[in-house]
N, C-alpha and C. Protein backbone atom coordinates (compact mmCIF):
# COMPACT_ATOMS: atom_id res chain seq x y z
N MET A 1 13.42 -6.02 -23.42
CA MET A 1 13.67 -4.76 -22.76
C MET A 1 14.72 -3.99 -23.57
N LYS A 2 14.48 -2.70 -23.80
CA LYS A 2 15.43 -1.89 -24.53
C LYS A 2 16.73 -1.78 -23.76
N GLN A 3 17.81 -1.50 -24.49
CA GLN A 3 19.14 -1.47 -23.89
C GLN A 3 19.24 -0.47 -22.74
N ASN A 4 18.67 0.74 -22.91
CA ASN A 4 18.77 1.73 -21.84
C ASN A 4 17.97 1.30 -20.61
N MET A 5 16.84 0.63 -20.84
CA MET A 5 16.04 0.11 -19.71
C MET A 5 16.83 -0.98 -18.98
N ARG A 6 17.43 -1.90 -19.73
CA ARG A 6 18.20 -3.00 -19.14
C ARG A 6 19.38 -2.45 -18.34
N LYS A 7 20.06 -1.45 -18.90
CA LYS A 7 21.21 -0.86 -18.21
C LYS A 7 20.79 -0.21 -16.89
N ALA A 8 19.70 0.55 -16.93
CA ALA A 8 19.21 1.20 -15.71
C ALA A 8 18.73 0.15 -14.70
N TYR A 9 18.01 -0.86 -15.17
CA TYR A 9 17.53 -1.93 -14.30
C TYR A 9 18.70 -2.58 -13.56
N ASN A 10 19.74 -2.93 -14.30
CA ASN A 10 20.91 -3.59 -13.69
C ASN A 10 21.61 -2.67 -12.70
N ALA A 11 21.73 -1.38 -13.04
CA ALA A 11 22.40 -0.44 -12.13
C ALA A 11 21.59 -0.25 -10.85
N LEU A 12 20.27 -0.15 -10.97
CA LEU A 12 19.43 0.01 -9.79
C LEU A 12 19.45 -1.25 -8.92
N LYS A 13 19.39 -2.40 -9.55
CA LYS A 13 19.44 -3.66 -8.81
C LYS A 13 20.76 -3.78 -8.05
N LYS A 14 21.84 -3.34 -8.69
CA LYS A 14 23.17 -3.42 -8.08
C LYS A 14 23.26 -2.60 -6.79
N ILE A 15 22.57 -1.45 -6.74
CA ILE A 15 22.62 -0.63 -5.52
C ILE A 15 21.55 -1.02 -4.50
N GLY A 16 20.76 -2.05 -4.82
CA GLY A 16 19.77 -2.56 -3.87
C GLY A 16 18.38 -2.01 -4.02
N CYS A 17 18.13 -1.25 -5.06
CA CYS A 17 16.81 -0.69 -5.29
C CYS A 17 15.81 -1.80 -5.61
N PRO A 18 14.60 -1.76 -5.05
CA PRO A 18 13.62 -2.83 -5.27
C PRO A 18 12.92 -2.71 -6.64
N VAL A 19 13.55 -3.27 -7.66
CA VAL A 19 13.01 -3.22 -9.02
C VAL A 19 12.21 -4.48 -9.34
N ILE A 20 11.20 -4.33 -10.19
CA ILE A 20 10.32 -5.43 -10.56
C ILE A 20 10.15 -5.39 -12.07
N ILE A 21 10.45 -6.49 -12.76
CA ILE A 21 10.25 -6.56 -14.21
C ILE A 21 8.77 -6.75 -14.49
N ASN A 22 8.28 -6.03 -15.50
CA ASN A 22 6.88 -6.14 -15.93
C ASN A 22 6.57 -7.60 -16.28
N ASP A 23 5.54 -8.15 -15.66
CA ASP A 23 5.19 -9.56 -15.86
C ASP A 23 4.61 -9.87 -17.24
N TRP A 24 3.98 -8.88 -17.89
CA TRP A 24 3.27 -9.18 -19.12
C TRP A 24 4.19 -9.40 -20.31
N ASP A 25 5.07 -8.45 -20.56
CA ASP A 25 5.90 -8.59 -21.76
C ASP A 25 7.38 -8.36 -21.51
N HIS A 26 7.77 -8.15 -20.29
CA HIS A 26 9.18 -7.94 -19.92
C HIS A 26 9.82 -6.79 -20.68
N SER A 27 9.03 -5.81 -21.13
CA SER A 27 9.57 -4.68 -21.90
C SER A 27 10.00 -3.51 -21.02
N ASP A 28 9.57 -3.52 -19.78
CA ASP A 28 9.94 -2.43 -18.88
C ASP A 28 10.01 -2.95 -17.45
N PHE A 29 10.26 -2.03 -16.53
CA PHE A 29 10.30 -2.43 -15.12
C PHE A 29 9.70 -1.33 -14.27
N LYS A 30 9.42 -1.68 -13.03
CA LYS A 30 8.83 -0.76 -12.06
C LYS A 30 9.70 -0.75 -10.80
N ILE A 31 9.46 0.21 -9.94
CA ILE A 31 10.18 0.31 -8.68
C ILE A 31 9.16 0.25 -7.55
N ASN A 32 9.39 -0.65 -6.62
CA ASN A 32 8.50 -0.84 -5.48
C ASN A 32 8.70 0.31 -4.49
N GLY A 33 7.66 1.09 -4.29
CA GLY A 33 7.72 2.21 -3.37
C GLY A 33 7.38 1.85 -1.94
N GLU A 34 7.14 0.58 -1.69
CA GLU A 34 6.80 0.13 -0.34
C GLU A 34 7.90 -0.69 0.31
N ASP A 35 8.98 -0.91 -0.40
CA ASP A 35 10.07 -1.74 0.10
C ASP A 35 11.22 -0.86 0.57
N ASN A 36 10.97 -0.10 1.62
CA ASN A 36 11.97 0.79 2.20
C ASN A 36 12.50 0.17 3.48
N GLY A 37 13.73 -0.27 3.44
CA GLY A 37 14.37 -0.84 4.62
C GLY A 37 15.34 0.17 5.19
N LYS A 38 16.62 -0.12 5.04
CA LYS A 38 17.66 0.80 5.53
C LYS A 38 17.72 2.06 4.66
N VAL A 39 17.29 1.93 3.40
CA VAL A 39 17.30 3.06 2.47
C VAL A 39 15.87 3.36 2.06
N CYS A 40 15.51 4.62 2.07
CA CYS A 40 14.20 5.03 1.58
C CYS A 40 14.33 5.27 0.08
N TRP A 41 13.80 4.35 -0.71
CA TRP A 41 13.91 4.45 -2.17
C TRP A 41 12.82 5.33 -2.76
N ALA A 42 11.65 5.26 -2.22
CA ALA A 42 10.54 6.07 -2.72
C ALA A 42 9.51 6.21 -1.61
N ASP A 43 8.94 7.40 -1.52
CA ASP A 43 7.98 7.70 -0.46
C ASP A 43 6.92 8.64 -1.01
N TYR A 44 5.80 8.10 -1.41
CA TYR A 44 4.72 8.87 -2.03
C TYR A 44 4.26 10.03 -1.16
N TYR A 45 4.18 9.79 0.13
CA TYR A 45 3.68 10.81 1.05
C TYR A 45 4.78 11.69 1.64
N CYS A 46 6.01 11.46 1.25
CA CYS A 46 7.17 12.24 1.73
C CYS A 46 7.21 12.31 3.26
N GLU A 47 7.06 11.16 3.89
CA GLU A 47 7.05 11.07 5.35
C GLU A 47 8.45 10.97 5.95
N PHE A 48 9.45 10.60 5.14
CA PHE A 48 10.80 10.42 5.65
C PHE A 48 11.61 11.68 5.40
N PRO A 49 12.05 12.37 6.46
CA PRO A 49 12.82 13.60 6.28
C PRO A 49 14.24 13.32 5.80
N GLY A 50 14.87 14.34 5.30
CA GLY A 50 16.25 14.21 4.84
C GLY A 50 16.38 14.61 3.39
N GLY A 51 17.60 14.70 2.93
CA GLY A 51 17.85 15.17 1.58
C GLY A 51 17.96 14.09 0.53
N ALA A 52 17.61 12.85 0.85
CA ALA A 52 17.78 11.76 -0.11
C ALA A 52 16.69 11.73 -1.17
N LEU A 53 15.54 12.38 -0.92
CA LEU A 53 14.41 12.32 -1.84
C LEU A 53 14.20 13.65 -2.55
N ASP A 54 13.70 13.58 -3.79
CA ASP A 54 13.34 14.80 -4.50
C ASP A 54 11.97 15.28 -4.04
N ASP A 55 11.44 16.30 -4.67
CA ASP A 55 10.15 16.86 -4.27
C ASP A 55 8.97 15.91 -4.47
N PHE A 56 9.17 14.89 -5.29
CA PHE A 56 8.10 13.92 -5.56
C PHE A 56 8.27 12.63 -4.78
N GLY A 57 9.25 12.58 -3.88
CA GLY A 57 9.44 11.41 -3.04
C GLY A 57 10.25 10.29 -3.65
N VAL A 58 11.04 10.60 -4.68
CA VAL A 58 11.88 9.59 -5.33
C VAL A 58 13.33 9.82 -4.92
N ASN A 59 14.01 8.75 -4.55
CA ASN A 59 15.40 8.83 -4.12
C ASN A 59 16.26 9.41 -5.25
N ASN A 60 17.14 10.33 -4.89
CA ASN A 60 18.00 10.98 -5.89
C ASN A 60 18.92 10.00 -6.60
N LYS A 61 19.30 8.90 -5.95
CA LYS A 61 20.13 7.89 -6.61
C LYS A 61 19.37 7.25 -7.78
N ILE A 62 18.08 7.03 -7.59
CA ILE A 62 17.24 6.50 -8.67
C ILE A 62 17.21 7.49 -9.82
N ASN A 63 16.96 8.75 -9.51
CA ASN A 63 16.89 9.78 -10.55
C ASN A 63 18.18 9.90 -11.34
N GLU A 64 19.32 9.83 -10.67
CA GLU A 64 20.61 9.93 -11.36
C GLU A 64 20.78 8.81 -12.37
N ILE A 65 20.47 7.59 -11.97
CA ILE A 65 20.62 6.44 -12.87
C ILE A 65 19.63 6.53 -14.02
N LEU A 66 18.38 6.87 -13.72
CA LEU A 66 17.39 6.96 -14.78
C LEU A 66 17.72 8.09 -15.74
N ASP A 67 18.11 9.25 -15.23
CA ASP A 67 18.47 10.38 -16.10
C ASP A 67 19.61 10.01 -17.04
N ALA A 68 20.61 9.31 -16.52
CA ALA A 68 21.76 8.92 -17.34
C ALA A 68 21.38 7.98 -18.48
N ASN A 69 20.20 7.36 -18.37
CA ASN A 69 19.75 6.41 -19.38
C ASN A 69 18.53 6.90 -20.16
N GLY A 70 18.24 8.18 -20.05
CA GLY A 70 17.12 8.74 -20.80
C GLY A 70 15.76 8.28 -20.31
N LEU A 71 15.65 8.07 -19.00
CA LEU A 71 14.41 7.56 -18.39
C LEU A 71 13.99 8.47 -17.24
N PHE A 72 12.78 8.27 -16.77
CA PHE A 72 12.31 8.96 -15.56
C PHE A 72 11.29 8.06 -14.87
N ALA A 73 11.02 8.37 -13.61
CA ALA A 73 10.04 7.60 -12.83
C ALA A 73 8.85 8.47 -12.52
N GLU A 74 7.66 7.87 -12.55
CA GLU A 74 6.45 8.57 -12.12
C GLU A 74 5.58 7.58 -11.35
N TRP A 75 4.85 8.10 -10.40
CA TRP A 75 4.01 7.26 -9.55
C TRP A 75 2.83 6.71 -10.35
N SER A 76 2.59 5.41 -10.25
CA SER A 76 1.37 4.82 -10.82
C SER A 76 0.32 4.71 -9.73
N ASN A 77 0.77 4.56 -8.49
CA ASN A 77 -0.08 4.56 -7.30
C ASN A 77 0.86 4.79 -6.11
N PRO A 78 0.38 4.97 -4.90
CA PRO A 78 1.27 5.26 -3.78
C PRO A 78 2.29 4.18 -3.44
N GLY A 79 2.22 3.04 -4.08
CA GLY A 79 3.18 1.97 -3.78
C GLY A 79 4.06 1.56 -4.94
N MET A 80 3.91 2.19 -6.11
CA MET A 80 4.66 1.72 -7.28
C MET A 80 5.04 2.88 -8.20
N LEU A 81 6.31 2.86 -8.63
CA LEU A 81 6.80 3.82 -9.60
C LEU A 81 6.94 3.16 -10.96
N ASN A 82 6.40 3.77 -12.00
CA ASN A 82 6.63 3.33 -13.37
C ASN A 82 7.93 3.95 -13.85
N VAL A 83 8.68 3.23 -14.66
CA VAL A 83 9.87 3.77 -15.30
C VAL A 83 9.52 3.99 -16.76
N CYS A 84 9.73 5.22 -17.24
CA CYS A 84 9.29 5.62 -18.58
C CYS A 84 10.42 6.23 -19.37
N GLN A 85 10.29 6.17 -20.69
CA GLN A 85 11.24 6.85 -21.58
C GLN A 85 11.04 8.35 -21.45
N ALA A 86 12.15 9.09 -21.41
CA ALA A 86 12.07 10.55 -21.32
C ALA A 86 11.72 11.16 -22.66
């Protein structure tokens, strides 16, 4: 995993975000959009009101950490976010 990916992964894990390392080659990670407990981390259908999510249903805390590391998140399906290089 590249250094910026590892740094973002560790920061997201530290705040409780449901991150998953890619099983095939461990070169990247994903964010589980279905593991919303006390915090709504991602919501494809934008069903949870409030100011914590951006227009695409991604928690602003996730965006801040990813932006700081030159990364962004995009939906691969309604239950999973891919983390990509910006």
